[in-house]
N, C-alpha and C. Protein backbone atom coordinates (compact mmCIF):
# COMPACT_ATOMS: atom_id res chain seq x y z
N MET A 1 11.39 39.40 43.78
CA MET A 1 12.09 38.15 43.71
C MET A 1 11.16 37.08 43.16
N LYS A 2 9.89 37.04 43.66
CA LYS A 2 8.93 36.08 43.17
C LYS A 2 8.64 36.30 41.68
N SER A 3 8.49 37.54 41.27
CA SER A 3 8.17 37.84 39.88
C SER A 3 9.33 37.42 38.95
N ASN A 4 10.57 37.57 39.42
CA ASN A 4 11.76 37.20 38.65
C ASN A 4 11.73 35.71 38.41
N SER A 5 11.46 34.88 39.44
CA SER A 5 11.47 33.44 39.30
C SER A 5 10.25 33.01 38.41
N LEU A 6 9.16 33.75 38.55
CA LEU A 6 7.97 33.47 37.75
C LEU A 6 8.28 33.72 36.25
N ASN A 7 8.94 34.84 35.97
CA ASN A 7 9.32 35.15 34.60
C ASN A 7 10.26 34.09 34.04
N ARG A 8 11.20 33.63 34.86
CA ARG A 8 12.14 32.59 34.44
C ARG A 8 11.39 31.30 34.13
N LEU A 9 10.41 30.93 34.96
CA LEU A 9 9.66 29.70 34.77
C LEU A 9 8.83 29.81 33.48
N VAL A 10 8.21 30.95 33.26
CA VAL A 10 7.40 31.16 32.03
C VAL A 10 8.29 31.08 30.82
N GLY A 11 9.47 31.71 30.89
CA GLY A 11 10.41 31.68 29.77
C GLY A 11 10.88 30.26 29.45
N GLN A 12 11.18 29.47 30.48
CA GLN A 12 11.62 28.11 30.28
C GLN A 12 10.52 27.28 29.64
N SER A 13 9.27 27.43 30.11
CA SER A 13 8.18 26.65 29.57
C SER A 13 7.91 27.05 28.12
N ALA A 14 8.07 28.32 27.81
CA ALA A 14 7.87 28.78 26.42
C ALA A 14 8.96 28.20 25.51
N ARG A 15 10.18 28.20 25.98
CA ARG A 15 11.26 27.58 25.17
C ARG A 15 11.04 26.07 25.02
N GLY A 16 10.56 25.44 26.13
CA GLY A 16 10.26 24.03 25.98
C GLY A 16 9.18 23.75 25.01
N SER A 17 8.18 24.58 24.99
CA SER A 17 7.06 24.43 24.05
C SER A 17 7.56 24.62 22.58
N LEU A 18 8.44 25.57 22.38
CA LEU A 18 8.98 25.79 21.05
C LEU A 18 9.85 24.60 20.61
N VAL A 19 10.59 24.01 21.49
CA VAL A 19 11.41 22.87 21.15
C VAL A 19 10.50 21.70 20.81
N VAL A 20 9.48 21.43 21.60
CA VAL A 20 8.53 20.38 21.36
C VAL A 20 7.84 20.59 20.06
N SER A 21 7.43 21.85 19.77
CA SER A 21 6.77 22.15 18.48
C SER A 21 7.68 21.87 17.31
N ALA A 22 8.89 22.26 17.42
CA ALA A 22 9.84 22.04 16.32
C ALA A 22 10.07 20.57 16.06
N VAL A 23 10.18 19.78 17.15
CA VAL A 23 10.37 18.33 16.97
C VAL A 23 9.13 17.69 16.33
N LEU A 24 7.95 18.09 16.77
CA LEU A 24 6.73 17.56 16.17
C LEU A 24 6.63 17.87 14.71
N MET A 25 6.99 19.13 14.35
CA MET A 25 6.90 19.50 12.95
C MET A 25 7.88 18.73 12.11
N ALA A 26 9.07 18.52 12.64
CA ALA A 26 10.08 17.75 11.93
C ALA A 26 9.65 16.29 11.71
N THR A 27 9.12 15.67 12.76
CA THR A 27 8.68 14.30 12.61
C THR A 27 7.45 14.16 11.70
N SER A 28 6.57 15.12 11.76
CA SER A 28 5.40 15.05 10.84
C SER A 28 5.83 15.18 9.39
N ALA A 29 6.86 15.96 9.13
CA ALA A 29 7.35 16.07 7.74
C ALA A 29 7.98 14.73 7.28
N CYS A 30 8.64 14.04 8.17
CA CYS A 30 9.21 12.72 7.86
C CYS A 30 8.10 11.70 7.61
N VAL A 31 7.05 11.74 8.40
CA VAL A 31 5.93 10.83 8.16
C VAL A 31 5.31 11.06 6.85
N TYR A 32 5.09 12.28 6.46
CA TYR A 32 4.49 12.65 5.17
C TYR A 32 5.39 12.14 4.02
N ALA A 33 6.68 12.31 4.20
CA ALA A 33 7.61 11.86 3.14
C ALA A 33 7.58 10.38 2.98
N GLN A 34 7.36 9.63 4.08
CA GLN A 34 7.26 8.16 3.94
C GLN A 34 6.01 7.67 3.26
N THR A 35 4.90 8.41 3.35
CA THR A 35 3.69 7.98 2.72
C THR A 35 3.59 8.38 1.28
N SER A 36 4.46 9.14 0.78
CA SER A 36 4.42 9.49 -0.63
C SER A 36 4.81 8.33 -1.51
N VAL A 37 4.25 8.29 -2.69
CA VAL A 37 4.50 7.22 -3.67
C VAL A 37 5.87 7.37 -4.28
N GLU A 38 6.65 6.32 -4.39
CA GLU A 38 7.93 6.39 -5.05
C GLU A 38 7.72 6.63 -6.58
N PRO A 39 8.64 7.34 -7.20
CA PRO A 39 8.49 7.54 -8.63
C PRO A 39 8.55 6.20 -9.37
N GLY A 40 7.70 6.07 -10.36
CA GLY A 40 7.69 4.88 -11.15
C GLY A 40 6.80 3.78 -10.59
N THR A 41 6.16 3.98 -9.42
CA THR A 41 5.28 2.98 -8.85
C THR A 41 3.85 3.48 -9.02
N HIS A 42 2.95 2.54 -8.99
CA HIS A 42 1.51 2.86 -9.19
C HIS A 42 0.85 2.59 -7.89
N GLN A 43 0.12 3.64 -7.38
CA GLN A 43 -0.68 3.48 -6.20
C GLN A 43 -2.04 2.96 -6.62
N ILE A 44 -2.43 1.79 -6.02
CA ILE A 44 -3.67 1.11 -6.46
C ILE A 44 -4.88 1.95 -6.02
N THR A 45 -5.91 1.96 -6.87
CA THR A 45 -7.08 2.78 -6.57
C THR A 45 -8.18 1.86 -5.96
N ARG A 46 -9.17 2.52 -5.42
CA ARG A 46 -10.29 1.70 -4.86
C ARG A 46 -11.04 0.96 -5.95
N ALA A 47 -11.14 1.57 -7.14
CA ALA A 47 -11.81 0.84 -8.22
C ALA A 47 -11.09 -0.39 -8.64
N GLU A 48 -9.74 -0.34 -8.60
CA GLU A 48 -8.94 -1.53 -8.92
C GLU A 48 -9.13 -2.60 -7.85
N VAL A 49 -9.16 -2.20 -6.59
CA VAL A 49 -9.38 -3.21 -5.50
C VAL A 49 -10.77 -3.85 -5.65
N ARG A 50 -11.79 -3.04 -5.92
CA ARG A 50 -13.14 -3.59 -6.12
C ARG A 50 -13.17 -4.57 -7.29
N HIS A 51 -12.50 -4.19 -8.38
CA HIS A 51 -12.50 -5.05 -9.58
C HIS A 51 -11.78 -6.38 -9.23
N GLU A 52 -10.65 -6.33 -8.54
CA GLU A 52 -9.94 -7.55 -8.17
C GLU A 52 -10.82 -8.41 -7.26
N LEU A 53 -11.54 -7.81 -6.32
CA LEU A 53 -12.39 -8.59 -5.40
C LEU A 53 -13.51 -9.26 -6.19
N LYS A 54 -14.10 -8.53 -7.19
CA LYS A 54 -15.13 -9.21 -8.01
C LYS A 54 -14.54 -10.35 -8.82
N GLU A 55 -13.35 -10.21 -9.33
CA GLU A 55 -12.74 -11.33 -10.05
C GLU A 55 -12.48 -12.51 -9.11
N LEU A 56 -12.01 -12.23 -7.91
CA LEU A 56 -11.75 -13.30 -6.94
C LEU A 56 -13.04 -13.99 -6.54
N GLU A 57 -14.11 -13.22 -6.36
CA GLU A 57 -15.43 -13.84 -6.03
C GLU A 57 -15.94 -14.69 -7.19
N ALA A 58 -15.62 -14.28 -8.43
CA ALA A 58 -16.07 -15.02 -9.62
C ALA A 58 -15.40 -16.40 -9.68
N VAL A 59 -14.23 -16.57 -9.08
CA VAL A 59 -13.57 -17.89 -9.08
C VAL A 59 -13.73 -18.58 -7.75
N GLY A 60 -14.66 -18.13 -6.94
CA GLY A 60 -15.04 -18.91 -5.77
C GLY A 60 -14.63 -18.32 -4.44
N TYR A 61 -13.99 -17.23 -4.38
CA TYR A 61 -13.57 -16.64 -3.04
C TYR A 61 -14.74 -15.99 -2.37
N ARG A 62 -14.96 -16.25 -1.13
CA ARG A 62 -16.01 -15.65 -0.32
C ARG A 62 -15.40 -15.00 0.89
N PRO A 63 -15.27 -13.65 0.86
CA PRO A 63 -14.72 -12.95 2.06
C PRO A 63 -15.74 -12.96 3.21
N VAL A 64 -15.28 -13.52 4.34
CA VAL A 64 -16.13 -13.52 5.53
C VAL A 64 -15.32 -13.11 6.74
N PRO A 65 -15.94 -12.46 7.69
CA PRO A 65 -15.20 -12.12 8.96
C PRO A 65 -14.83 -13.34 9.71
N ASN A 66 -13.67 -13.27 10.37
CA ASN A 66 -13.18 -14.38 11.24
C ASN A 66 -13.05 -15.70 10.46
N ASP A 67 -12.52 -15.62 9.25
CA ASP A 67 -12.35 -16.76 8.42
C ASP A 67 -11.27 -17.71 8.96
N LEU A 68 -11.60 -18.91 9.23
CA LEU A 68 -10.66 -19.84 9.81
C LEU A 68 -9.59 -20.29 8.78
N TYR A 69 -9.95 -20.19 7.51
CA TYR A 69 -9.08 -20.65 6.44
C TYR A 69 -8.26 -19.56 5.76
N TYR A 70 -8.37 -18.34 6.29
CA TYR A 70 -7.55 -17.26 5.78
C TYR A 70 -6.10 -17.42 6.18
N PRO A 71 -5.13 -17.24 5.36
CA PRO A 71 -5.09 -16.77 3.98
C PRO A 71 -5.13 -17.88 2.93
N ASP A 72 -5.27 -19.13 3.33
CA ASP A 72 -5.27 -20.21 2.39
C ASP A 72 -6.37 -20.07 1.31
N ASP A 73 -7.54 -19.69 1.72
CA ASP A 73 -8.66 -19.54 0.77
C ASP A 73 -8.44 -18.43 -0.28
N ILE A 74 -7.89 -17.36 0.14
CA ILE A 74 -7.65 -16.25 -0.83
C ILE A 74 -6.46 -16.60 -1.72
N GLN A 75 -5.46 -17.27 -1.18
CA GLN A 75 -4.32 -17.66 -2.01
C GLN A 75 -4.76 -18.67 -3.07
N ALA A 76 -5.64 -19.60 -2.68
CA ALA A 76 -6.17 -20.54 -3.69
C ALA A 76 -6.97 -19.82 -4.76
N ALA A 77 -7.76 -18.83 -4.35
CA ALA A 77 -8.58 -18.05 -5.31
C ALA A 77 -7.65 -17.29 -6.24
N GLU A 78 -6.55 -16.72 -5.68
CA GLU A 78 -5.60 -15.97 -6.52
C GLU A 78 -4.92 -16.88 -7.54
N GLN A 79 -4.65 -18.12 -7.14
CA GLN A 79 -4.12 -19.08 -8.09
C GLN A 79 -5.11 -19.42 -9.20
N ARG A 80 -6.35 -19.63 -8.79
CA ARG A 80 -7.38 -19.92 -9.82
C ARG A 80 -7.56 -18.74 -10.76
N LEU A 81 -7.51 -17.55 -10.22
CA LEU A 81 -7.64 -16.32 -11.07
C LEU A 81 -6.47 -16.19 -11.99
N ALA A 82 -5.23 -16.50 -11.48
CA ALA A 82 -4.09 -16.40 -12.39
C ALA A 82 -4.21 -17.45 -13.49
N ALA A 83 -4.67 -18.64 -13.19
CA ALA A 83 -4.90 -19.70 -14.20
C ALA A 83 -5.96 -19.24 -15.23
N LYS A 84 -7.00 -18.59 -14.76
CA LYS A 84 -8.06 -18.07 -15.65
C LYS A 84 -7.44 -17.00 -16.57
N HIS A 85 -6.67 -16.08 -16.06
CA HIS A 85 -6.03 -15.07 -16.87
C HIS A 85 -5.08 -15.69 -17.88
N GLN A 86 -4.34 -16.71 -17.43
CA GLN A 86 -3.42 -17.38 -18.41
C GLN A 86 -4.19 -18.06 -19.49
N ALA A 87 -5.33 -18.72 -19.18
CA ALA A 87 -6.12 -19.35 -20.20
C ALA A 87 -6.68 -18.35 -21.18
N GLU A 88 -7.12 -17.20 -20.67
CA GLU A 88 -7.61 -16.11 -21.55
C GLU A 88 -6.48 -15.60 -22.46
N GLN A 89 -5.33 -15.44 -21.88
CA GLN A 89 -4.15 -15.01 -22.68
C GLN A 89 -3.80 -16.04 -23.76
N ASP A 90 -3.85 -17.30 -23.40
CA ASP A 90 -3.53 -18.37 -24.34
C ASP A 90 -4.58 -18.40 -25.46
N ALA A 91 -5.85 -18.12 -25.13
CA ALA A 91 -6.86 -18.08 -26.16
C ALA A 91 -6.67 -16.95 -27.14
N LEU A 92 -6.17 -15.85 -26.65
CA LEU A 92 -5.90 -14.68 -27.50
C LEU A 92 -4.71 -14.89 -28.42
N THR A 93 -3.68 -15.60 -27.90
CA THR A 93 -2.44 -15.77 -28.72
C THR A 93 -2.44 -17.12 -29.44
N GLY A 94 -3.51 -17.87 -29.41
CA GLY A 94 -3.55 -19.16 -30.09
C GLY A 94 -2.96 -20.27 -29.31
N GLY A 95 -2.73 -20.09 -28.04
CA GLY A 95 -2.21 -21.17 -27.18
C GLY A 95 -0.70 -21.29 -27.18
N SER A 96 -0.03 -20.44 -27.94
CA SER A 96 1.42 -20.52 -27.95
C SER A 96 2.03 -19.22 -27.44
N PRO A 97 3.14 -19.30 -26.80
CA PRO A 97 3.76 -18.04 -26.36
C PRO A 97 4.21 -17.23 -27.58
N ILE A 98 4.27 -15.98 -27.39
CA ILE A 98 4.68 -15.07 -28.47
C ILE A 98 6.15 -15.35 -28.79
N ALA A 99 6.33 -15.64 -30.07
CA ALA A 99 7.71 -16.00 -30.53
C ALA A 99 8.58 -14.73 -30.52
N GLN A 100 9.78 -14.93 -30.01
CA GLN A 100 10.74 -13.81 -30.03
C GLN A 100 11.77 -14.14 -31.10
N THR A 101 11.98 -13.20 -31.96
CA THR A 101 12.94 -13.43 -33.06
C THR A 101 14.31 -12.93 -32.62
N LYS A 102 15.33 -13.70 -32.90
CA LYS A 102 16.67 -13.34 -32.60
C LYS A 102 17.40 -13.08 -33.90
N PRO A 103 18.18 -12.03 -33.98
CA PRO A 103 18.91 -11.80 -35.25
C PRO A 103 19.97 -12.86 -35.42
N THR A 104 20.11 -13.33 -36.68
CA THR A 104 21.13 -14.32 -36.98
C THR A 104 22.44 -13.62 -37.25
N PRO A 105 23.53 -14.19 -36.76
CA PRO A 105 24.80 -13.51 -36.97
C PRO A 105 25.32 -13.67 -38.36
């Protein structure tokens, strides 16, 4: 009688373990699917992040821990960087936007 109830207990715990394992495998597959990159999007690289940080530092941004002015200081640096890029673009195109031609009817 004792061995019968022991077998039943072991069988139930084994089934419970299988159910838990199946649930964990299913949820881990969902998590992996969420971290994959969508088609047509670009996942930023470390080199790109480092390059952007160097550009931000060149226009006056100084990353420091426990910055009291964050995010205002980085947003201001991003605006200065965008203005710098726009000035560089204007210098390349002669200061005028690229003219778009429209067909005449």
